[in-house]
C-alpha atoms as a PDB file:
ATOM      1  CA  MET A   1      12.991 -42.297 -20.515  1.00  0.00           C
ATOM      2  CA  SER A   2      13.865 -45.429 -18.208  1.00  0.00           C
ATOM      3  CA  HIS A   3      11.563 -45.823 -15.123  1.00  0.00           C
ATOM      4  CA  LYS A   4      14.676 -45.771 -13.430  1.00  0.00           C
ATOM      5  CA  ASN A   5      15.394 -42.142 -14.936  1.00  0.00           C
ATOM      6  CA  LEU A   6      11.782 -40.982 -13.499  1.00  0.00           C
ATOM      7  CA  ALA A   7      12.513 -41.742 -10.385  1.00  0.00           C
ATOM      8  CA  PRO A   8      14.214 -38.956  -9.539  1.00  0.00           C
ATOM      9  CA  LEU A   9      11.982 -36.809 -11.195  1.00  0.00           C
ATOM     10  CA  ALA A  10       9.142 -38.247  -8.816  1.00  0.00           C
ATOM     11  CA  THR A  11      10.399 -37.817  -5.979  1.00  0.00           C
ATOM     12  CA  ALA A  12      11.643 -33.919  -6.973  1.00  0.00           C
ATOM     13  CA  LEU A  13       8.296 -33.647  -7.364  1.00  0.00           C
ATOM     14  CA  LEU A  14       6.582 -34.624  -4.164  1.00  0.00           C
ATOM     15  CA  LEU A  15       8.875 -32.458  -2.419  1.00  0.00           C
ATOM     16  CA  VAL A  16       7.707 -29.556  -4.236  1.00  0.00           C
ATOM     17  CA  ALA A  17       3.759 -30.499  -3.940  1.00  0.00           C
ATOM     18  CA  ALA A  18       5.240 -31.160  -0.501  1.00  0.00           C
ATOM     19  CA  SER A  19       6.591 -27.794   0.331  1.00  0.00           C
ATOM     20  CA  ALA A  20       3.879 -25.834  -0.931  1.00  0.00           C
ATOM     21  CA  ALA A  21       1.559 -27.810   1.218  1.00  0.00           C
ATOM     22  CA  ASP A  22       3.531 -26.909   3.898  1.00  0.00           C
ATOM     23  CA  ALA A  23       3.626 -23.158   2.821  1.00  0.00           C
ATOM     24  CA  LYS A  24       2.678 -20.449   5.475  1.00  0.00           C
ATOM     25  CA  GLN A  25      -0.696 -19.220   5.171  1.00  0.00           C
ATOM     26  CA  TRP A  26      -2.446 -16.275   7.313  1.00  0.00           C
ATOM     27  CA  ARG A  27      -6.426 -16.538   7.857  1.00  0.00           C
ATOM     28  CA  TYR A  28      -8.465 -13.064   7.735  1.00  0.00           C
ATOM     29  CA  ALA A  29     -11.995 -12.357   7.727  1.00  0.00           C
ATOM     30  CA  GLY A  30     -13.676  -9.472   6.653  1.00  0.00           C
ATOM     31  CA  MET A  31     -12.723  -6.764   4.109  1.00  0.00           C
ATOM     32  CA  HIS A  32      -8.794  -6.033   4.812  1.00  0.00           C
ATOM     33  CA  PRO A  33      -5.303  -4.137   3.058  1.00  0.00           C
ATOM     34  CA  ARG A  34      -4.196  -6.837   0.101  1.00  0.00           C
ATOM     35  CA  THR A  35      -0.286  -6.310   1.432  1.00  0.00           C
ATOM     36  CA  GLY A  36      -0.830  -3.507   3.662  1.00  0.00           C
ATOM     37  CA  GLN A  37       0.371  -0.761   0.763  1.00  0.00           C
ATOM     38  CA  PRO A  38      -2.026   1.328  -0.353  1.00  0.00           C
ATOM     39  CA  GLY A  39      -1.129   1.149  -4.231  1.00  0.00           C
ATOM     40  CA  ASP A  40      -2.446  -2.527  -3.523  1.00  0.00           C
ATOM     41  CA  GLY A  41      -6.059  -1.938  -2.412  1.00  0.00           C
ATOM     42  CA  LEU A  42      -8.154  -4.251  -0.556  1.00  0.00           C
ATOM     43  CA  CYS A  43      -9.548  -7.306  -0.457  1.00  0.00           C
ATOM     44  CA  HIS A  44     -13.520  -7.997  -0.194  1.00  0.00           C
ATOM     45  CA  LEU A  45     -13.854 -11.388   0.673  1.00  0.00           C
ATOM     46  CA  GLU A  46     -15.961 -11.077   3.974  1.00  0.00           C
ATOM     47  CA  SER A  47     -16.167 -14.658   5.548  1.00  0.00           C
ATOM     48  CA  MET A  48     -12.812 -16.000   6.063  1.00  0.00           C
ATOM     49  CA  HIS A  49     -10.169 -17.186   3.836  1.00  0.00           C
ATOM     50  CA  VAL A  50      -6.538 -17.566   3.478  1.00  0.00           C
ATOM     51  CA  HIS A  51      -3.907 -15.847   2.232  1.00  0.00           C
ATOM     52  CA  SER A  52      -0.063 -16.614   1.424  1.00  0.00           C
ATOM     53  CA  ALA A  53       0.471 -12.929   2.329  1.00  0.00           C
ATOM     54  CA  ALA A  54       1.105 -11.740   5.144  1.00  0.00           C
ATOM     55  CA  PRO A  55      -0.429  -9.117   6.860  1.00  0.00           C
ATOM     56  CA  LEU A  56       1.720  -5.715   6.622  1.00  0.00           C
ATOM     57  CA  TYR A  57       1.422  -3.933  10.234  1.00  0.00           C
ATOM     58  CA  ALA A  58      -0.316  -7.012  12.013  1.00  0.00           C
ATOM     59  CA  ASP A  59       0.330  -5.332  15.339  1.00  0.00           C
ATOM     60  CA  THR A  60      -1.156  -2.258  14.905  1.00  0.00           C
ATOM     61  CA  LEU A  61      -4.025  -2.845  11.577  1.00  0.00           C
ATOM     62  CA  TYR A  62      -5.573  -6.081  12.948  1.00  0.00           C
ATOM     63  CA  ARG A  63      -7.189  -7.538  16.463  1.00  0.00           C
ATOM     64  CA  THR A  64      -6.943 -11.399  16.225  1.00  0.00           C
ATOM     65  CA  ARG A  65      -9.538 -13.948  16.929  1.00  0.00           C
ATOM     66  CA  ASP A  66      -8.361 -17.835  16.937  1.00  0.00           C
ATOM     67  CA  ASN A  67      -5.658 -17.037  14.652  1.00  0.00           C
ATOM     68  CA  VAL A  68      -8.205 -15.265  12.246  1.00  0.00           C
ATOM     69  CA  TYR A  69      -6.918 -11.506  11.586  1.00  0.00           C
ATOM     70  CA  VAL A  70      -9.479  -8.395  12.015  1.00  0.00           C
ATOM     71  CA  PHE A  71      -8.802  -5.753   9.899  1.00  0.00           C
ATOM     72  CA  ILE A  72     -10.342  -2.423  11.736  1.00  0.00           C
ATOM     73  CA  GLY A  73      -8.325   0.369  11.063  1.00  0.00           C
ATOM     74  CA  ASP A  74      -9.133   3.287   8.161  1.00  0.00           C
ATOM     75  CA  PRO A  75      -9.550   1.802   4.612  1.00  0.00           C
ATOM     76  CA  THR A  76      -9.677   4.754   3.093  1.00  0.00           C
ATOM     77  CA  PRO A  77      -5.437   5.038   1.893  1.00  0.00           C
ATOM     78  CA  PHE A  78      -6.398   1.846   0.104  1.00  0.00           C
ATOM     79  CA  GLY A  79      -9.107   2.966  -2.482  1.00  0.00           C
ATOM     80  CA  TYR A  80     -12.003   2.428  -0.427  1.00  0.00           C
ATOM     81  CA  GLU A  81     -15.466   3.292  -1.980  1.00  0.00           C
ATOM     82  CA  GLY A  82     -17.702   1.933   0.071  1.00  0.00           C
ATOM     83  CA  PRO A  83     -20.325   3.569   2.826  1.00  0.00           C
ATOM     84  CA  ARG A  84     -18.079   5.444   5.103  1.00  0.00           C
ATOM     85  CA  HIS A  85     -18.776   6.501   9.031  1.00  0.00           C
ATOM     86  CA  SER A  86     -16.659   9.535  10.503  1.00  0.00           C
ATOM     87  CA  TYR A  87     -15.172   9.041  13.803  1.00  0.00           C
ATOM     88  CA  TYR A  88     -13.290  10.896  16.006  1.00  0.00           C
ATOM     89  CA  GLY A  89     -10.858  10.131  18.533  1.00  0.00           C
ATOM     90  CA  HIS A  90     -10.780   6.212  20.122  1.00  0.00           C
ATOM     91  CA  HIS A  91     -13.185   3.857  20.345  1.00  0.00           C
ATOM     92  CA  PRO A  92     -14.750   0.398  20.687  1.00  0.00           C
ATOM     93  CA  VAL A  93     -14.537  -2.565  17.743  1.00  0.00           C
ATOM     94  CA  VAL A  94     -16.700  -5.037  18.376  1.00  0.00           C
ATOM     95  CA  LEU A  95     -15.405  -8.146  16.428  1.00  0.00           C
ATOM     96  CA  ASN A  96     -18.222 -10.559  16.511  1.00  0.00           C
ATOM     97  CA  VAL A  97     -20.122  -7.793  14.758  1.00  0.00           C
ATOM     98  CA  LEU A  98     -17.622  -7.036  11.949  1.00  0.00           C
ATOM     99  CA  VAL A  99     -16.980 -10.843  11.505  1.00  0.00           C
ATOM    100  CA  ASP A 100     -19.533 -14.541  12.210  1.00  0.00           C
ATOM    101  CA  ILE A 101     -17.472 -14.921  15.007  1.00  0.00           C
ATOM    102  CA  ASP A 102     -19.771 -17.902  17.571  1.00  0.00           C
ATOM    103  CA  VAL A 103     -19.061 -16.264  21.181  1.00  0.00           C
ATOM    104  CA  ASP A 104     -21.675 -15.859  23.910  1.00  0.00           C
ATOM    105  CA  VAL A 105     -20.391 -12.028  24.610  1.00  0.00           C
ATOM    106  CA  ASP A 106     -18.640  -9.331  22.634  1.00  0.00           C
ATOM    107  CA  VAL A 107     -15.327  -9.331  21.539  1.00  0.00           C
ATOM    108  CA  VAL A 108     -14.346  -5.660  21.874  1.00  0.00           C
ATOM    109  CA  GLU A 109     -11.309  -3.904  20.833  1.00  0.00           C
ATOM    110  CA  TYR A 110     -10.457  -0.264  20.323  1.00  0.00           C
ATOM    111  CA  CYS A 111      -9.605   1.703  17.536  1.00  0.00           C
ATOM    112  CA  TYR A 112      -6.570   4.285  18.530  1.00  0.00           C
ATOM    113  CA  HIS A 113      -6.930   6.507  16.044  1.00  0.00           C
ATOM    114  CA  ASP A 114      -5.933   9.801  16.851  1.00  0.00           C
ATOM    115  CA  GLY A 115      -8.471  12.711  15.615  1.00  0.00           C
ATOM    116  CA  PRO A 116     -10.991  12.509  12.637  1.00  0.00           C
ATOM    117  CA  HIS A 117     -11.088   9.693  10.378  1.00  0.00           C
ATOM    118  CA  TYR A 118     -13.204   7.084   8.768  1.00  0.00           C
ATOM    119  CA  HIS A 119     -14.317   2.954   8.944  1.00  0.00           C
ATOM    120  CA  ALA A 120     -17.003   1.409   6.680  1.00  0.00           C
ATOM    121  CA  TYR A 121     -18.435   0.316   9.622  1.00  0.00           C
ATOM    122  CA  GLU A 122     -21.453   1.999  12.015  1.00  0.00           C
ATOM    123  CA  PRO A 123     -20.318   1.857  15.615  1.00  0.00           C
ATOM    124  CA  PRO A 124     -21.288  -1.140  17.476  1.00  0.00           C
ATOM    125  CA  PRO A 125     -24.089  -1.703  19.317  1.00  0.00           C
ATOM    126  CA  ARG A 126     -24.001  -1.923  22.929  1.00  0.00           C
ATOM    127  CA  GLN A 127     -21.488   0.780  23.193  1.00  0.00           C
ATOM    128  CA  GLU A 128     -22.195   4.675  23.630  1.00  0.00           C
ATOM    129  CA  PHE A 129     -21.532   6.625  20.904  1.00  0.00           C
ATOM    130  CA  VAL A 130     -23.115  10.193  20.814  1.00  0.00           C
ATOM    131  CA  ASP A 131     -22.916  12.244  17.703  1.00  0.00           C
ATOM    132  CA  LYS A 132     -22.395  15.766  16.290  1.00  0.00           C
ATOM    133  CA  GLU A 133     -21.843  17.046  13.062  1.00  0.00           C
ATOM    134  CA  ASP A 134     -21.993  13.326  11.363  1.00  0.00           C
ATOM    135  CA  VAL A 135     -19.423  11.934  13.699  1.00  0.00           C
ATOM    136  CA  HIS A 136     -19.284   9.749  16.190  1.00  0.00           C
ATOM    137  CA  TYR A 137     -18.032   9.628  18.964  1.00  0.00           C
ATOM    138  CA  TYR A 138     -17.374   7.399  22.113  1.00  0.00           C
ATOM    139  CA  ALA A 139     -19.041   8.118  25.395  1.00  0.00           C
ATOM    140  CA  GLY A 140     -18.355   5.223  27.641  1.00  0.00           C
ATOM    141  CA  GLU A 141     -15.290   4.574  29.926  1.00  0.00           C
ATOM    142  CA  TYR A 142     -11.787   3.457  29.016  1.00  0.00           C
ATOM    143  CA  PRO A 143     -11.246   0.528  30.577  1.00  0.00           C
ATOM    144  CA  GLU A 144      -8.255  -0.521  31.836  1.00  0.00           C
ATOM    145  CA  ALA A 145      -7.164  -2.838  28.600  1.00  0.00           C
ATOM    146  CA  TYR A 146      -7.552  -0.169  27.045  1.00  0.00           C
ATOM    147  CA  ARG A 147      -5.180   1.881  28.728  1.00  0.00           C
ATOM    148  CA  ARG A 148      -2.841  -0.816  29.134  1.00  0.00           C
ATOM    149  CA  GLU A 149      -2.939  -1.464  25.475  1.00  0.00           C
ATOM    150  CA  ASN A 150      -1.880   1.996  23.990  1.00  0.00           C
ATOM    151  CA  PRO A 151       1.260   2.394  23.922  1.00  0.00           C
ATOM    152  CA  LYS A 152       1.331  -0.670  21.508  1.00  0.00           C
ATOM    153  CA  PHE A 153      -1.193  -0.016  19.805  1.00  0.00           C
ATOM    154  CA  VAL A 154      -1.325   4.286  19.506  1.00  0.00           C
ATOM    155  CA  ARG A 155       1.494   3.237  16.791  1.00  0.00           C
ATOM    156  CA  VAL A 156      -1.199   2.766  14.123  1.00  0.00           C
ATOM    157  CA  ASN A 157      -1.338   6.994  13.552  1.00  0.00           C
ATOM    158  CA  THR A 158       2.931   6.820  12.612  1.00  0.00           C
ATOM    159  CA  VAL A 159       1.855   3.928   9.974  1.00  0.00           C
ATOM    160  CA  TYR A 160      -0.724   6.257   8.609  1.00  0.00           C
ATOM    161  CA  ARG A 161       1.757   9.105   9.583  1.00  0.00           C
ATOM    162  CA  GLY A 162       2.624   8.976   5.479  1.00  0.00           C
ATOM    163  CA  TRP A 163      -0.531   7.773   4.105  1.00  0.00           C
ATOM    164  CA  ASN A 164      -2.139  10.844   2.346  1.00  0.00           C
ATOM    165  CA  VAL A 165      -5.840  10.163   4.392  1.00  0.00           C
ATOM    166  CA  PRO A 166      -8.828  11.962   3.567  1.00  0.00           C
ATOM    167  CA  ARG A 167     -10.366  12.609   7.142  1.00  0.00           C
ATOM    168  CA  PRO A 168     -14.074  14.641   7.869  1.00  0.00           C
ATOM    169  CA  VAL A 169     -13.518  18.200   8.280  1.00  0.00           C
ATOM    170  CA  VAL A 170     -14.117  18.379  12.506  1.00  0.00           C
ATOM    171  CA  THR A 171     -15.165  22.228  13.163  1.00  0.00           C
ATOM    172  CA  PHE A 172     -16.406  21.974  16.611  1.00  0.00           C
ATOM    173  CA  ALA A 173     -14.975  21.058  20.016  1.00  0.00           C
ATOM    174  CA  PRO A 174     -15.962  17.275  20.488  1.00  0.00           C
ATOM    175  CA  PRO A 175     -19.374  16.945  22.749  1.00  0.00           C
ATOM    176  CA  PRO A 176     -19.021  16.709  26.291  1.00  0.00           C
ATOM    177  CA  GLN A 177     -19.697  13.003  26.643  1.00  0.00           C
ATOM    178  CA  TYR A 178     -15.927  12.512  25.051  1.00  0.00           C
ATOM    179  CA  HIS A 179     -13.211  11.406  26.810  1.00  0.00           C
ATOM    180  CA  GLY A 180     -10.647  10.151  24.813  1.00  0.00           C
ATOM    181  CA  PRO A 181      -7.538  12.186  23.448  1.00  0.00           C
ATOM    182  CA  ILE A 182      -8.410  15.714  21.697  1.00  0.00           C
ATOM    183  CA  ILE A 183      -6.511  16.902  19.446  1.00  0.00           C
ATOM    184  CA  GLN A 184      -5.988  19.943  16.848  1.00  0.00           C
ATOM    185  CA  VAL A 185      -5.159  19.534  13.096  1.00  0.00           C
ATOM    186  CA  GLY A 186      -4.862  21.871  10.943  1.00  0.00           C
ATOM    187  CA  VAL A 187      -2.085  24.699   9.013  1.00  0.00           C
ATOM    188  CA  ASN A 188      -0.159  26.391  11.181  1.00  0.00           C
ATOM    189  CA  VAL A 189      -2.675  25.527  14.070  1.00  0.00           C
ATOM    190  CA  ASP A 190      -1.468  24.058  17.407  1.00  0.00           C
ATOM    191  CA  VAL A 191      -1.629  20.743  18.629  1.00  0.00           C
ATOM    192  CA  ASP A 192      -3.707  19.934  21.624  1.00  0.00           C
ATOM    193  CA  VAL A 193      -3.198  16.265  23.011  1.00  0.00           C
ATOM    194  CA  ARG A 194      -5.454  15.298  25.914  1.00  0.00           C
ATOM    195  CA  VAL A 195      -4.796  11.056  27.514  1.00  0.00           C
ATOM    196  CA  GLY A 196      -1.952  10.301  25.486  1.00  0.00           C
ATOM    197  CA  GLY A 197      -0.736   9.246  21.958  1.00  0.00           C
ATOM    198  CA  ARG A 198       1.069  11.122  19.293  1.00  0.00           C
ATOM    199  CA  PRO A 199      -0.524  13.549  16.833  1.00  0.00           C
ATOM    200  CA  PRO A 200      -0.609  13.136  12.869  1.00  0.00           C
ATOM    201  CA  PRO A 201       0.685  15.666  11.047  1.00  0.00           C
ATOM    202  CA  PRO A 202      -1.141  18.199   9.012  1.00  0.00           C
ATOM    203  CA  SER A 203      -3.195  16.181   6.411  1.00  0.00           C
ATOM    204  CA  ARG A 204      -4.489  17.778   2.899  1.00  0.00           C
ATOM    205  CA  GLU A 205      -7.712  18.449   4.956  1.00  0.00           C
ATOM    206  CA  VAL A 206      -7.769  21.208   6.896  1.00  0.00           C
ATOM    207  CA  ILE A 207      -9.204  19.896  10.206  1.00  0.00           C
ATOM    208  CA  ILE A 208      -9.964  22.362  12.794  1.00  0.00           C
ATOM    209  CA  ILE A 209     -10.928  22.008  16.743  1.00  0.00           C
ATOM    210  CA  ARG A 210     -12.518  25.507  18.166  1.00  0.00           C
ATOM    211  CA  ASP A 211     -15.289  25.923  21.096  1.00  0.00           C
ATOM    212  CA  ASP A 212     -18.713  25.668  20.280  1.00  0.00           C
ATOM    213  CA  ASP A 213     -20.602  28.838  20.825  1.00  0.00           C
ATOM    214  CA  ASP A 214     -23.632  27.458  22.131  1.00  0.00           C
ATOM    215  CA  ASP A 215     -24.472  27.275  25.914  1.00  0.00           C
ATOM    216  CA  ASP A 216     -24.557  23.433  26.196  1.00  0.00           C
ATOM    217  CA  HIS A 217     -21.258  22.590  25.191  1.00  0.00           C
ATOM    218  CA  HIS A 218     -19.400  24.460  26.847  1.00  0.00           C
ATOM    219  CA  HIS A 219     -19.742  22.330  30.409  1.00  0.00           C
ATOM    220  CA  GLY A 220     -18.009  19.322  30.205  1.00  0.00           C
ATOM    221  CA  HIS A 221     -14.880  20.105  28.804  1.00  0.00           C
ATOM    222  CA  ASP A 222     -13.294  21.207  32.199  1.00  0.00           C
ATOM    223  CA  HIS A 223     -11.159  17.885  32.524  1.00  0.00           C
ATOM    224  CA  GLY A 224      -7.893  18.662  33.988  1.00  0.00           C
ATOM    225  CA  HIS A 225      -6.960  19.608  30.878  1.00  0.00           C
ATOM    226  CA  GLY A 226      -7.139  23.083  30.257  1.00  0.00           C
ATOM    227  CA  LYS A 227      -9.290  25.091  27.437  1.00  0.00           C
ATOM    228  CA  HIS A 228      -9.243  24.473  23.430  1.00  0.00           C
ATOM    229  CA  LYS A 229      -7.624  27.625  21.878  1.00  0.00           C
ATOM    230  CA  LYS A 230     -10.086  29.734  19.769  1.00  0.00           C
ATOM    231  CA  HIS A 231      -9.759  29.353  15.515  1.00  0.00           C
ATOM    232  CA  LYS A 232     -11.576  30.294  12.755  1.00  0.00           C
ATOM    233  CA  HIS A 233     -11.723  27.706   9.815  1.00  0.00           C
ATOM    234  CA  LYS A 234      -9.850  28.273   7.168  1.00  0.00           C
ATOM    235  CA  GLY A 235     -10.917  25.995   4.740  1.00  0.00           C
ATOM    236  CA  ARG A 236      -8.624  23.491   2.600  1.00  0.00           C
ATOM    237  CA  ASP A 237      -4.779  23.617   1.653  1.00  0.00           C
END
């Protein structure tokens, strides 16, 4: 083949190489869903890295810092088998604790999962949490930024609604220090919501909130939201 005939081929190869170099890439930090579909599992790279696949449900499952996507959701639908920490309701997440971010002050975001759920991370330091039945509850006050962004990020519950998501079993009402949404989830059990956000449907785990019989847990529930109904815990369906 002559040099003249090779010229168009060389030009085509250069165009392909340039196109590949210009292909969109998304930057991630920390563990995250590979595609956003539960069956595709998780990417476990902890350091900052890139993928050619855009993050699915980026506006609810992730928070961003310097155009880096950090997954803050419940990893259990994606086959996560590592240590799990049980949480209840909305709570702060500190991005610079989850991933290596060089900042002078904490980068605080909020998880808007309603009711009981899991995370791979422990409650962040310098944030106020209380534990009950080995479940973490946020005991601090919610800032205006949390309330302002609630209608957007609470849609995370709609995303998880279509997946088979195991939940921690919670049988007692949250401690009085917790001021977030309270949701009762169970088979043939009414749903009670405080603060805002749409509740998820009943999951395979039967999760029932009922009043604590201890005297020191009866106070602190009169935040203007009414009393909780009592239900018997019926186990799993």
